[in-house]
């Protein structure tokens, strides 16, 4: 039962991350983000951050104790690619925090190409990590 709850929380984390990432990218397509859209962008950024922490905590719990034996994970190259991509995407998004903080204080964000690339990379990465996670969960014995 504990494994089922942790898996559901893990999936909820991915749903939050994917949804927030896609929505952030949609908001950043505009030349300028202001008012309620900027507030929504800030909230979505917090949702994706909390979702990432949930993914990390539940993933660590499954790999360490609840799912397959830990050796299955640590000896699989796909697991390490998944973990590496997750951390790269998380690190990239962390670089956007000061930009969003300044934009919130100013009441306006003019998305730069760099910021757009960061958020597109984040969205594509989380989709790839989810796909790799599904492969790890079903294919590794």
Protein backbone atom coordinates (compact mmCIF):
# COMPACT_ATOMS: atom_id res chain seq x y z
CA UNK A 1 0.00 0.00 0.00
CA UNK A 2 2.86 2.38 0.82
CA UNK A 3 4.38 1.81 -2.63
CA UNK A 4 1.06 2.66 -4.29
CA UNK A 5 0.78 5.93 -2.35
CA UNK A 6 4.37 6.91 -3.15
CA UNK A 7 3.85 6.06 -6.84
CA UNK A 8 0.68 8.17 -6.95
CA UNK A 9 2.52 11.08 -5.32
CA UNK A 10 5.35 10.61 -7.83
CA UNK A 11 2.88 10.75 -10.71
CA UNK A 12 1.18 13.78 -9.16
CA UNK A 13 4.58 15.48 -9.05
CA UNK A 14 5.09 14.78 -12.73
CA UNK A 15 1.59 16.01 -13.57
CA UNK A 16 2.29 19.24 -11.68
CA UNK A 17 5.68 19.72 -13.33
CA UNK A 18 4.49 18.97 -16.84
CA UNK A 19 1.34 21.07 -16.55
CA UNK A 20 3.14 24.03 -15.00
CA UNK A 21 6.02 23.83 -17.50
CA UNK A 22 3.73 23.77 -20.51
CA UNK A 23 1.62 26.62 -19.15
CA UNK A 24 4.72 28.72 -18.37
CA UNK A 25 5.92 28.22 -21.93
CA UNK A 26 2.55 29.35 -23.26
CA UNK A 27 2.70 32.51 -21.15
CA UNK A 28 6.25 33.27 -22.30
CA UNK A 29 5.21 33.29 -25.96
CA UNK A 30 3.90 36.82 -25.47
CA UNK A 31 6.24 39.77 -26.00
CA UNK A 32 5.49 40.94 -22.46
CA UNK A 33 3.98 39.29 -19.39
CA UNK A 34 2.20 41.62 -16.96
CA UNK A 35 -0.54 41.80 -14.37
CA UNK A 36 -2.50 38.59 -13.80
CA UNK A 37 -0.40 36.70 -16.34
CA UNK A 38 2.79 37.57 -14.47
CA UNK A 39 1.20 36.53 -11.18
CA UNK A 40 0.14 33.25 -12.82
CA UNK A 41 3.68 32.72 -14.13
CA UNK A 42 5.11 33.19 -10.63
CA UNK A 43 2.57 30.75 -9.14
CA UNK A 44 3.25 28.20 -11.89
CA UNK A 45 6.97 28.50 -11.22
CA UNK A 46 6.32 27.68 -7.55
CA UNK A 47 4.07 24.76 -8.54
CA UNK A 48 6.76 23.31 -10.78
CA UNK A 49 9.37 23.77 -8.05
CA UNK A 50 7.27 22.03 -5.42
CA UNK A 51 6.40 19.31 -7.93
CA UNK A 52 10.10 18.78 -8.65
CA UNK A 53 10.80 18.36 -4.92
CA UNK A 54 7.93 15.84 -4.73
CA UNK A 55 9.35 13.93 -7.72
CA UNK A 56 12.80 13.86 -6.14
CA UNK A 57 11.59 12.75 -2.71
CA UNK A 58 9.28 10.03 -3.97
CA UNK A 59 11.77 8.84 -6.59
CA UNK A 60 14.47 8.55 -3.96
CA UNK A 61 12.06 6.64 -1.72
CA UNK A 62 11.13 4.20 -4.48
CA UNK A 63 14.71 3.64 -5.66
CA UNK A 64 16.01 3.26 -2.12
CA UNK A 65 13.36 1.24 -0.37
CA UNK A 66 9.98 0.59 -1.89
CA UNK A 67 10.15 -0.47 -5.51
CA UNK A 68 12.70 -2.74 -7.16
CA UNK A 69 15.95 -3.57 -5.34
CA UNK A 70 18.21 -0.51 -5.30
CA UNK A 71 20.86 -2.36 -7.34
CA UNK A 72 18.45 -2.55 -10.27
CA UNK A 73 18.37 1.25 -10.42
CA UNK A 74 22.00 2.09 -9.72
CA UNK A 75 23.30 -0.37 -12.31
CA UNK A 76 21.00 0.86 -15.11
CA UNK A 77 22.45 3.55 -17.37
CA UNK A 78 18.96 4.85 -18.24
CA UNK A 79 18.33 5.59 -14.56
CA UNK A 80 21.43 7.79 -14.39
CA UNK A 81 20.55 9.57 -17.64
CA UNK A 82 17.10 10.25 -16.17
CA UNK A 83 18.56 11.56 -12.91
CA UNK A 84 21.12 13.70 -14.74
CA UNK A 85 18.55 15.24 -17.04
CA UNK A 86 16.26 15.95 -14.08
CA UNK A 87 19.05 17.79 -12.28
CA UNK A 88 20.13 19.71 -15.40
CA UNK A 89 16.58 20.89 -15.99
CA UNK A 90 16.17 21.82 -12.33
CA UNK A 91 19.45 23.74 -12.34
CA UNK A 92 18.47 25.58 -15.51
CA UNK A 93 15.15 26.63 -14.02
CA UNK A 94 16.87 27.81 -10.83
CA UNK A 95 18.74 30.36 -12.95
CA UNK A 96 15.39 31.92 -13.86
CA UNK A 97 14.42 32.62 -10.24
CA UNK A 98 16.19 36.01 -9.99
CA UNK A 99 14.67 37.08 -13.32
CA UNK A 100 11.16 36.23 -12.15
CA UNK A 101 11.77 37.92 -8.80
CA UNK A 102 12.88 41.14 -10.50
CA UNK A 103 9.94 40.94 -12.92
CA UNK A 104 7.47 40.50 -10.08
CA UNK A 105 8.93 43.56 -8.33
CA UNK A 106 8.78 45.57 -11.56
CA UNK A 107 5.33 44.28 -12.48
CA UNK A 108 6.45 43.28 -15.97
CA UNK A 109 8.52 40.62 -17.65
CA UNK A 110 9.92 40.92 -21.15
CA UNK A 111 10.99 37.35 -21.90
CA UNK A 112 14.46 37.07 -23.37
CA UNK A 113 15.40 34.31 -25.81
CA UNK A 114 17.58 32.79 -23.05
CA UNK A 115 14.63 32.63 -20.64
CA UNK A 116 12.43 31.04 -23.29
CA UNK A 117 15.12 28.44 -24.04
CA UNK A 118 15.43 27.60 -20.34
CA UNK A 119 11.70 26.97 -20.00
CA UNK A 120 11.46 25.00 -23.25
CA UNK A 121 14.41 22.88 -22.10
CA UNK A 122 12.63 22.35 -18.78
CA UNK A 123 9.39 21.24 -20.45
CA UNK A 124 11.11 18.89 -22.89
CA UNK A 125 13.34 17.51 -20.13
CA UNK A 126 10.48 16.73 -17.77
CA UNK A 127 8.63 14.95 -20.59
CA UNK A 128 11.77 12.93 -21.39
CA UNK A 129 12.36 12.15 -17.71
CA UNK A 130 8.77 10.95 -17.37
CA UNK A 131 9.17 8.71 -20.43
CA UNK A 132 12.46 7.31 -19.14
CA UNK A 133 10.87 6.76 -15.73
CA UNK A 134 8.10 4.77 -17.31
CA UNK A 135 10.69 2.69 -19.17
CA UNK A 136 12.67 2.14 -15.94
CA UNK A 137 9.52 1.14 -14.05
CA UNK A 138 8.32 -1.38 -16.63
CA UNK A 139 11.42 -2.72 -18.35
CA UNK A 140 14.04 -3.16 -15.64
CA UNK A 141 13.78 -6.48 -13.84
